[in-house]
Amino acid sequence: MRVSVDPNDRAFVAADRHAQREVKLNGELAHHVITADDELGLIVCYPVDERNMPLLTKDGKSFKTITKFGKVEIGPVDGGK
């Protein structure tokens, strides 16, 4: 499964409470996830500063992103509770 909040991604899912997913990478809850793909084993997320604000690229027009690889699990928020 692939899910994304990036409207340019083929797996874009509009943000609403029914579309929210919990993403884990190597068994740990992942934060600030933009895209997750359990078949490719990757997540794309954005780093934050000490105020929990997204870090921006040098031109200030977009978020910096980090791609991480490993075992990706995508499921309902709070495990479906």
C-alpha atoms as a PDB file:
ATOM      1  CA  MET A   1       0.000   0.000   0.000  1.00  0.00           C
ATOM      2  CA  ARG A   2       1.133   3.547  -0.660  1.00  0.00           C
ATOM      3  CA  VAL A   3      -0.364   6.620   0.992  1.00  0.00           C
ATOM      4  CA  SER A   4       0.585  10.249   0.602  1.00  0.00           C
ATOM      5  CA  VAL A   5      -0.505  13.736   1.582  1.00  0.00           C
ATOM      6  CA  ASP A   6       1.434  15.160  -1.377  1.00  0.00           C
ATOM      7  CA  PRO A   7      -1.122  16.156  -4.031  1.00  0.00           C
ATOM      8  CA  ASN A   8       1.506  15.458  -6.720  1.00  0.00           C
ATOM      9  CA  ASP A   9       1.867  11.835  -5.623  1.00  0.00           C
ATOM     10  CA  ARG A  10      -0.178   9.106  -7.322  1.00  0.00           C
ATOM     11  CA  ALA A  11      -1.261   7.827  -3.887  1.00  0.00           C
ATOM     12  CA  PHE A  12      -2.558  11.188  -2.654  1.00  0.00           C
ATOM     13  CA  VAL A  13      -5.232  10.881   0.009  1.00  0.00           C
ATOM     14  CA  ALA A  14      -7.168  14.013   0.957  1.00  0.00           C
ATOM     15  CA  ALA A  15      -6.765  14.840   4.628  1.00  0.00           C
ATOM     16  CA  ASP A  16      -9.803  13.885   6.621  1.00  0.00           C
ATOM     17  CA  ARG A  17     -10.257  11.850   9.740  1.00  0.00           C
ATOM     18  CA  HIS A  18     -11.270   8.739   7.766  1.00  0.00           C
ATOM     19  CA  ALA A  19      -8.106   8.840   5.664  1.00  0.00           C
ATOM     20  CA  GLN A  20      -5.631   9.188   8.545  1.00  0.00           C
ATOM     21  CA  ARG A  21      -3.076   6.416   8.827  1.00  0.00           C
ATOM     22  CA  GLU A  22      -0.464   5.439  11.359  1.00  0.00           C
ATOM     23  CA  VAL A  23       2.941   4.737   9.844  1.00  0.00           C
ATOM     24  CA  LYS A  24       5.659   2.710  11.523  1.00  0.00           C
ATOM     25  CA  LEU A  25       9.232   2.318  10.309  1.00  0.00           C
ATOM     26  CA  ASN A  26      11.069  -0.690  11.737  1.00  0.00           C
ATOM     27  CA  GLY A  27       8.407  -0.976  14.447  1.00  0.00           C
ATOM     28  CA  GLU A  28       8.685   2.657  15.602  1.00  0.00           C
ATOM     29  CA  LEU A  29       5.941   5.229  15.047  1.00  0.00           C
ATOM     30  CA  ALA A  30       7.048   7.636  12.291  1.00  0.00           C
ATOM     31  CA  HIS A  31       6.308  11.352  12.531  1.00  0.00           C
ATOM     32  CA  HIS A  32       5.898  14.097   9.922  1.00  0.00           C
ATOM     33  CA  VAL A  33       5.325  11.538   7.151  1.00  0.00           C
ATOM     34  CA  ILE A  34       4.487  12.864   3.693  1.00  0.00           C
ATOM     35  CA  THR A  35       4.526   9.561   1.799  1.00  0.00           C
ATOM     36  CA  ALA A  36       4.734   5.945   2.942  1.00  0.00           C
ATOM     37  CA  ASP A  37       5.066   2.837   0.772  1.00  0.00           C
ATOM     38  CA  ASP A  38       5.179  -0.562   2.456  1.00  0.00           C
ATOM     39  CA  GLU A  39       5.994  -2.433  -0.761  1.00  0.00           C
ATOM     40  CA  LEU A  40       9.049  -0.273  -1.522  1.00  0.00           C
ATOM     41  CA  GLY A  41       9.918  -0.076   2.170  1.00  0.00           C
ATOM     42  CA  LEU A  42      10.262   3.687   2.328  1.00  0.00           C
ATOM     43  CA  ILE A  43       8.871   6.783   3.938  1.00  0.00           C
ATOM     44  CA  VAL A  44       9.384  10.415   3.011  1.00  0.00           C
ATOM     45  CA  CYS A  45       9.149  12.782   5.951  1.00  0.00           C
ATOM     46  CA  TYR A  46      10.126  16.325   6.832  1.00  0.00           C
ATOM     47  CA  PRO A  47      12.519  17.325   9.617  1.00  0.00           C
ATOM     48  CA  VAL A  48      11.489  19.951  12.186  1.00  0.00           C
ATOM     49  CA  ASP A  49      13.324  22.548  14.261  1.00  0.00           C
ATOM     50  CA  GLU A  50      13.296  22.956  18.058  1.00  0.00           C
ATOM     51  CA  ARG A  51       9.859  24.630  17.821  1.00  0.00           C
ATOM     52  CA  ASN A  52       8.511  21.643  15.861  1.00  0.00           C
ATOM     53  CA  MET A  53       8.264  23.768  12.695  1.00  0.00           C
ATOM     54  CA  PRO A  54       9.182  22.191   9.326  1.00  0.00           C
ATOM     55  CA  LEU A  55      12.651  23.004   8.018  1.00  0.00           C
ATOM     56  CA  LEU A  56      12.530  24.736   4.651  1.00  0.00           C
ATOM     57  CA  THR A  57      14.782  24.548   1.613  1.00  0.00           C
ATOM     58  CA  LYS A  58      17.243  27.411   1.033  1.00  0.00           C
ATOM     59  CA  ASP A  59      14.789  29.243  -1.230  1.00  0.00           C
ATOM     60  CA  GLY A  60      12.097  28.932   1.482  1.00  0.00           C
ATOM     61  CA  LYS A  61       9.519  27.593  -0.965  1.00  0.00           C
ATOM     62  CA  SER A  62       9.222  23.989   0.176  1.00  0.00           C
ATOM     63  CA  PHE A  63       9.888  21.623   3.051  1.00  0.00           C
ATOM     64  CA  LYS A  64      13.188  19.803   3.292  1.00  0.00           C
ATOM     65  CA  THR A  65      12.542  16.076   3.067  1.00  0.00           C
ATOM     66  CA  ILE A  66      14.266  12.917   4.248  1.00  0.00           C
ATOM     67  CA  THR A  67      13.738   9.482   2.715  1.00  0.00           C
ATOM     68  CA  LYS A  68      14.117   6.575   5.118  1.00  0.00           C
ATOM     69  CA  PHE A  69      14.158   2.890   4.267  1.00  0.00           C
ATOM     70  CA  GLY A  70      13.132  -0.171   6.257  1.00  0.00           C
ATOM     71  CA  LYS A  71      10.111  -2.234   7.221  1.00  0.00           C
ATOM     72  CA  VAL A  72       7.093   0.036   6.735  1.00  0.00           C
ATOM     73  CA  GLU A  73       3.709  -0.689   8.315  1.00  0.00           C
ATOM     74  CA  ILE A  74       0.653   1.388   7.394  1.00  0.00           C
ATOM     75  CA  GLY A  75      -2.516   1.019   9.427  1.00  0.00           C
ATOM     76  CA  PRO A  76      -5.407   2.869  10.997  1.00  0.00           C
ATOM     77  CA  VAL A  77      -4.609   5.530  13.585  1.00  0.00           C
ATOM     78  CA  ASP A  78      -4.317   4.034  17.106  1.00  0.00           C
ATOM     79  CA  GLY A  79      -4.350   0.551  15.611  1.00  0.00           C
ATOM     80  CA  GLY A  80      -8.017   0.875  14.642  1.00  0.00           C
ATOM     81  CA  LYS A  81      -9.286   1.556  18.183  1.00  0.00           C
END
